[in-house]
């Protein structure tokens, strides 16, 4: 798994994921908020399966 999520993209995914999970845990939104686990995991690992399939790469790693 080559990293394909970088910089701002990773930060946004982590913030959105944590926000959704927190909102679901406090009852602000329904249980669907636990879907925030997906962006949180992709942000933490730096790899996104749809990005890999579609050929996107926001990671600016030096070659």
PDB file of N, CA and C in Angstrom:
ATOM      1  N   UNK A   1       0.841  -1.184   0.000  1.00  0.00           N
ATOM      2  CA  UNK A   1       0.000   0.000   0.000  1.00  0.00           C
ATOM      3  C   UNK A   1       0.887   1.249   0.000  1.00  0.00           C
ATOM      4  N   UNK A   2       0.902   1.919  -1.100  1.00  0.00           N
ATOM      5  CA  UNK A   2       1.634   3.171  -1.223  1.00  0.00           C
ATOM      6  C   UNK A   2       0.748   4.302  -0.731  1.00  0.00           C
ATOM      7  N   UNK A   3       1.298   5.198   0.041  1.00  0.00           N
ATOM      8  CA  UNK A   3       0.517   6.325   0.541  1.00  0.00           C
ATOM      9  C   UNK A   3       0.024   7.165  -0.630  1.00  0.00           C
ATOM     10  N   UNK A   4      -1.267   7.492  -0.609  1.00  0.00           N
ATOM     11  CA  UNK A   4      -1.842   8.316  -1.660  1.00  0.00           C
ATOM     12  C   UNK A   4      -2.666   9.471  -1.103  1.00  0.00           C
ATOM     13  N   UNK A   5      -2.615   9.676   0.206  1.00  0.00           N
ATOM     14  CA  UNK A   5      -3.315  10.781   0.852  1.00  0.00           C
ATOM     15  C   UNK A   5      -2.278  11.582   1.620  1.00  0.00           C
ATOM     16  N   UNK A   6      -2.197  12.865   1.346  1.00  0.00           N
ATOM     17  CA  UNK A   6      -1.164  13.651   2.007  1.00  0.00           C
ATOM     18  C   UNK A   6      -1.631  15.001   2.490  1.00  0.00           C
ATOM     19  N   UNK A   7      -0.824  15.585   3.340  1.00  0.00           N
ATOM     20  CA  UNK A   7      -0.963  16.954   3.809  1.00  0.00           C
ATOM     21  C   UNK A   7      -2.328  17.363   4.301  1.00  0.00           C
ATOM     22  N   UNK A   8      -2.888  18.352   3.629  1.00  0.00           N
ATOM     23  CA  UNK A   8      -4.167  18.936   4.020  1.00  0.00           C
ATOM     24  C   UNK A   8      -5.271  17.891   3.949  1.00  0.00           C
ATOM     25  N   UNK A   9      -5.225  17.036   2.959  1.00  0.00           N
ATOM     26  CA  UNK A   9      -6.231  15.988   2.791  1.00  0.00           C
ATOM     27  C   UNK A   9      -6.289  15.086   4.028  1.00  0.00           C
ATOM     28  N   UNK A  10      -5.139  14.675   4.530  1.00  0.00           N
ATOM     29  CA  UNK A  10      -5.091  13.826   5.724  1.00  0.00           C
ATOM     30  C   UNK A  10      -5.656  14.553   6.938  1.00  0.00           C
ATOM     31  N   UNK A  11      -5.254  15.808   7.106  1.00  0.00           N
ATOM     32  CA  UNK A  11      -5.723  16.585   8.250  1.00  0.00           C
ATOM     33  C   UNK A  11      -7.238  16.737   8.229  1.00  0.00           C
ATOM     34  N   UNK A  12      -7.787  17.070   7.067  1.00  0.00           N
ATOM     35  CA  UNK A  12      -9.235  17.224   6.947  1.00  0.00           C
ATOM     36  C   UNK A  12      -9.965  15.916   7.227  1.00  0.00           C
ATOM     37  N   UNK A  13      -9.433  14.829   6.727  1.00  0.00           N
ATOM     38  CA  UNK A  13     -10.070  13.527   6.970  1.00  0.00           C
ATOM     39  C   UNK A  13     -10.097  13.196   8.464  1.00  0.00           C
ATOM     40  N   UNK A  14      -8.999  13.462   9.159  1.00  0.00           N
ATOM     41  CA  UNK A  14      -8.940  13.168  10.592  1.00  0.00           C
ATOM     42  C   UNK A  14      -9.906  14.052  11.367  1.00  0.00           C
ATOM     43  N   UNK A  15      -9.935  15.344  11.058  1.00  0.00           N
ATOM     44  CA  UNK A  15     -10.826  16.274  11.758  1.00  0.00           C
ATOM     45  C   UNK A  15     -12.289  15.921  11.505  1.00  0.00           C
ATOM     46  N   UNK A  16     -12.644  15.663  10.259  1.00  0.00           N
ATOM     47  CA  UNK A  16     -14.032  15.312   9.924  1.00  0.00           C
ATOM     48  C   UNK A  16     -14.419  13.995  10.579  1.00  0.00           C
ATOM     49  N   UNK A  17     -13.539  13.021  10.525  1.00  0.00           N
ATOM     50  CA  UNK A  17     -13.820  11.725  11.139  1.00  0.00           C
ATOM     51  C   UNK A  17     -14.050  11.835  12.639  1.00  0.00           C
ATOM     52  N   UNK A  18     -13.158  12.549  13.320  1.00  0.00           N
ATOM     53  CA  UNK A  18     -13.326  12.727  14.772  1.00  0.00           C
ATOM     54  C   UNK A  18     -14.591  13.511  15.099  1.00  0.00           C
ATOM     55  N   UNK A  19     -14.899  14.520  14.291  1.00  0.00           N
ATOM     56  CA  UNK A  19     -16.102  15.321  14.516  1.00  0.00           C
ATOM     57  C   UNK A  19     -17.367  14.488  14.369  1.00  0.00           C
ATOM     58  N   UNK A  20     -17.432  13.675  13.340  1.00  0.00           N
ATOM     59  CA  UNK A  20     -18.605  12.823  13.143  1.00  0.00           C
ATOM     60  C   UNK A  20     -18.757  11.808  14.269  1.00  0.00           C
ATOM     61  N   UNK A  21     -17.657  11.208  14.683  1.00  0.00           N
ATOM     62  CA  UNK A  21     -17.711  10.224  15.761  1.00  0.00           C
ATOM     63  C   UNK A  21     -18.147  10.889  17.065  1.00  0.00           C
ATOM     64  N   UNK A  22     -17.600  12.066  17.352  1.00  0.00           N
ATOM     65  CA  UNK A  22     -17.974  12.786  18.572  1.00  0.00           C
ATOM     66  C   UNK A  22     -19.443  13.188  18.550  1.00  0.00           C
ATOM     67  N   UNK A  23     -19.932  13.654  17.405  1.00  0.00           N
ATOM     68  CA  UNK A  23     -21.339  14.045  17.293  1.00  0.00           C
ATOM     69  C   UNK A  23     -22.254  12.841  17.474  1.00  0.00           C
ATOM     70  N   UNK A  24     -21.865  11.693  16.955  1.00  0.00           N
ATOM     71  CA  UNK A  24     -22.670  10.483  17.114  1.00  0.00           C
ATOM     72  C   UNK A  24     -22.633  10.009  18.565  1.00  0.00           C
ATOM     73  N   UNK A  25     -21.471  10.103  19.194  1.00  0.00           N
ATOM     74  CA  UNK A  25     -21.333   9.646  20.580  1.00  0.00           C
ATOM     75  C   UNK A  25     -22.131  10.508  21.550  1.00  0.00           C
ATOM     76  N   UNK A  26     -22.256  11.797  21.258  1.00  0.00           N
ATOM     77  CA  UNK A  26     -23.007  12.689  22.141  1.00  0.00           C
ATOM     78  C   UNK A  26     -24.492  12.724  21.812  1.00  0.00           C
ATOM     79  N   UNK A  27     -24.894  12.069  20.743  1.00  0.00           N
ATOM     80  CA  UNK A  27     -26.305  12.019  20.380  1.00  0.00           C
ATOM     81  C   UNK A  27     -26.768  13.204  19.556  1.00  0.00           C
ATOM     82  N   UNK A  28     -25.846  14.051  19.138  1.00  0.00           N
ATOM     83  CA  UNK A  28     -26.196  15.214  18.328  1.00  0.00           C
ATOM     84  C   UNK A  28     -26.750  14.778  16.978  1.00  0.00           C
ATOM     85  N   UNK A  29     -26.141  13.768  16.396  1.00  0.00           N
ATOM     86  CA  UNK A  29     -26.639  13.177  15.156  1.00  0.00           C
ATOM     87  C   UNK A  29     -26.864  11.705  15.403  1.00  0.00           C
ATOM     88  N   UNK A  30     -27.510  11.047  14.491  1.00  0.00           N
ATOM     89  CA  UNK A  30     -27.817   9.637  14.666  1.00  0.00           C
ATOM     90  C   UNK A  30     -26.581   8.751  14.608  1.00  0.00           C
ATOM     91  N   UNK A  31     -26.835   7.473  14.678  1.00  0.00           N
ATOM     92  CA  UNK A  31     -25.765   6.484  14.679  1.00  0.00           C
ATOM     93  C   UNK A  31     -24.974   6.490  13.371  1.00  0.00           C
ATOM     94  N   UNK A  32     -25.555   7.067  12.316  1.00  0.00           N
ATOM     95  CA  UNK A  32     -24.842   7.121  11.033  1.00  0.00           C
ATOM     96  C   UNK A  32     -23.550   7.918  11.160  1.00  0.00           C
ATOM     97  N   UNK A  33     -23.423   8.721  12.186  1.00  0.00           N
ATOM     98  CA  UNK A  33     -22.215   9.511  12.401  1.00  0.00           C
ATOM     99  C   UNK A  33     -20.973   8.665  12.633  1.00  0.00           C
ATOM    100  N   UNK A  34     -21.184   7.415  13.024  1.00  0.00           N
ATOM    101  CA  UNK A  34     -20.032   6.528  13.225  1.00  0.00           C
ATOM    102  C   UNK A  34     -19.355   6.164  11.909  1.00  0.00           C
ATOM    103  N   UNK A  35     -19.947   6.583  10.793  1.00  0.00           N
ATOM    104  CA  UNK A  35     -19.285   6.408   9.495  1.00  0.00           C
ATOM    105  C   UNK A  35     -18.000   7.236   9.474  1.00  0.00           C
ATOM    106  N   UNK A  36     -17.844   8.130  10.428  1.00  0.00           N
ATOM    107  CA  UNK A  36     -16.632   8.926  10.563  1.00  0.00           C
ATOM    108  C   UNK A  36     -15.387   8.078  10.779  1.00  0.00           C
ATOM    109  N   UNK A  37     -15.573   6.815  11.093  1.00  0.00           N
ATOM    110  CA  UNK A  37     -14.442   5.903  11.257  1.00  0.00           C
ATOM    111  C   UNK A  37     -13.694   5.759   9.930  1.00  0.00           C
ATOM    112  N   UNK A  38     -14.417   5.808   8.826  1.00  0.00           N
ATOM    113  CA  UNK A  38     -13.797   5.625   7.511  1.00  0.00           C
ATOM    114  C   UNK A  38     -12.804   6.749   7.191  1.00  0.00           C
ATOM    115  N   UNK A  39     -13.229   8.032   7.216  1.00  0.00           N
ATOM    116  CA  UNK A  39     -12.234   9.070   6.937  1.00  0.00           C
ATOM    117  C   UNK A  39     -11.129   9.127   7.984  1.00  0.00           C
ATOM    118  N   UNK A  40     -11.452   8.788   9.228  1.00  0.00           N
ATOM    119  CA  UNK A  40     -10.431   8.777  10.274  1.00  0.00           C
ATOM    120  C   UNK A  40      -9.349   7.749   9.959  1.00  0.00           C
ATOM    121  N   UNK A  41      -9.745   6.552   9.596  1.00  0.00           N
ATOM    122  CA  UNK A  41      -8.758   5.507   9.276  1.00  0.00           C
ATOM    123  C   UNK A  41      -7.955   5.835   8.028  1.00  0.00           C
ATOM    124  N   UNK A  42      -8.614   6.369   6.996  1.00  0.00           N
ATOM    125  CA  UNK A  42      -7.866   6.714   5.786  1.00  0.00           C
ATOM    126  C   UNK A  42      -6.905   7.868   6.054  1.00  0.00           C
ATOM    127  N   UNK A  43      -7.288   8.774   6.936  1.00  0.00           N
ATOM    128  CA  UNK A  43      -6.392   9.870   7.293  1.00  0.00           C
ATOM    129  C   UNK A  43      -5.205   9.395   8.112  1.00  0.00           C
ATOM    130  N   UNK A  44      -5.445   8.476   9.025  1.00  0.00           N
ATOM    131  CA  UNK A  44      -4.364   7.972   9.875  1.00  0.00           C
ATOM    132  C   UNK A  44      -3.389   7.077   9.111  1.00  0.00           C
ATOM    133  N   UNK A  45      -3.910   6.276   8.193  1.00  0.00           N
ATOM    134  CA  UNK A  45      -3.036   5.373   7.442  1.00  0.00           C
ATOM    135  C   UNK A  45      -2.390   6.052   6.242  1.00  0.00           C
ATOM    136  N   UNK A  46      -3.033   7.093   5.717  1.00  0.00           N
ATOM    137  CA  UNK A  46      -2.491   7.777   4.541  1.00  0.00           C
ATOM    138  C   UNK A  46      -2.787   7.057   3.244  1.00  0.00           C
ATOM    139  N   UNK A  47      -3.718   6.096   3.278  1.00  0.00           N
ATOM    140  CA  UNK A  47      -4.067   5.333   2.079  1.00  0.00           C
ATOM    141  C   UNK A  47      -5.579   5.263   1.947  1.00  0.00           C
ATOM    142  N   UNK A  48      -6.072   5.577   0.758  1.00  0.00           N
ATOM    143  CA  UNK A  48      -7.502   5.570   0.476  1.00  0.00           C
ATOM    144  C   UNK A  48      -7.767   4.634  -0.701  1.00  0.00           C
ATOM    145  N   UNK A  49      -8.540   3.557  -0.501  1.00  0.00           N
ATOM    146  CA  UNK A  49      -8.807   2.611  -1.579  1.00  0.00           C
ATOM    147  C   UNK A  49      -9.423   3.241  -2.839  1.00  0.00           C
ATOM    148  N   UNK A  50     -10.430   4.116  -2.727  1.00  0.00           N
ATOM    149  CA  UNK A  50     -10.962   4.726  -3.954  1.00  0.00           C
ATOM    150  C   UNK A  50      -9.915   5.557  -4.696  1.00  0.00           C
ATOM    151  N   UNK A  51      -9.048   6.239  -3.960  1.00  0.00           N
ATOM    152  CA  UNK A  51      -7.976   6.992  -4.617  1.00  0.00           C
ATOM    153  C   UNK A  51      -7.082   6.044  -5.409  1.00  0.00           C
ATOM    154  N   UNK A  52      -6.776   4.885  -4.830  1.00  0.00           N
ATOM    155  CA  UNK A  52      -5.919   3.912  -5.507  1.00  0.00           C
ATOM    156  C   UNK A  52      -6.585   3.392  -6.777  1.00  0.00           C
ATOM    157  N   UNK A  53      -7.881   3.118  -6.712  1.00  0.00           N
ATOM    158  CA  UNK A  53      -8.609   2.602  -7.864  1.00  0.00           C
ATOM    159  C   UNK A  53      -8.681   3.650  -8.981  1.00  0.00           C
ATOM    160  N   UNK A  54      -8.956   4.907  -8.597  1.00  0.00           N
ATOM    161  CA  UNK A  54      -9.124   5.977  -9.581  1.00  0.00           C
ATOM    162  C   UNK A  54      -7.811   6.638  -9.997  1.00  0.00           C
ATOM    163  N   UNK A  55      -6.723   6.305  -9.322  1.00  0.00           N
ATOM    164  CA  UNK A  55      -5.417   6.846  -9.692  1.00  0.00           C
ATOM    165  C   UNK A  55      -5.120   8.228  -9.130  1.00  0.00           C
ATOM    166  N   UNK A  56      -5.864   8.653  -8.117  1.00  0.00           N
ATOM    167  CA  UNK A  56      -5.598   9.941  -7.484  1.00  0.00           C
ATOM    168  C   UNK A  56      -4.448   9.811  -6.498  1.00  0.00           C
ATOM    169  N   UNK A  57      -3.744  10.927  -6.283  1.00  0.00           N
ATOM    170  CA  UNK A  57      -2.661  10.941  -5.307  1.00  0.00           C
ATOM    171  C   UNK A  57      -2.465  12.371  -4.843  1.00  0.00           C
ATOM    172  N   UNK A  58      -2.735  12.635  -3.561  1.00  0.00           N
ATOM    173  CA  UNK A  58      -2.536  13.970  -3.004  1.00  0.00           C
ATOM    174  C   UNK A  58      -1.292  14.023  -2.140  1.00  0.00           C
ATOM    175  N   UNK A  59      -0.559  12.932  -2.098  1.00  0.00           N
ATOM    176  CA  UNK A  59       0.658  12.868  -1.303  1.00  0.00           C
ATOM    177  C   UNK A  59       1.825  13.364  -2.133  1.00  0.00           C
ATOM    178  N   UNK A  60       2.544  14.332  -1.614  1.00  0.00           N
ATOM    179  CA  UNK A  60       3.652  14.913  -2.369  1.00  0.00           C
ATOM    180  C   UNK A  60       4.992  14.332  -1.916  1.00  0.00           C
ATOM    181  N   UNK A  61       5.101  13.017  -1.966  1.00  0.00           N
ATOM    182  CA  UNK A  61       6.345  12.355  -1.567  1.00  0.00           C
ATOM    183  C   UNK A  61       7.379  12.541  -2.668  1.00  0.00           C
ATOM    184  N   UNK A  62       8.618  12.742  -2.260  1.00  0.00           N
ATOM    185  CA  UNK A  62       9.705  12.885  -3.238  1.00  0.00           C
ATOM    186  C   UNK A  62      10.102  11.525  -3.763  1.00  0.00           C
ATOM    187  N   UNK A  63      10.354  11.458  -5.059  1.00  0.00           N
ATOM    188  CA  UNK A  63      10.710  10.175  -5.677  1.00  0.00           C
ATOM    189  C   UNK A  63      12.188  10.001  -5.762  1.00  0.00           C
TER     190      UNK A  63
END
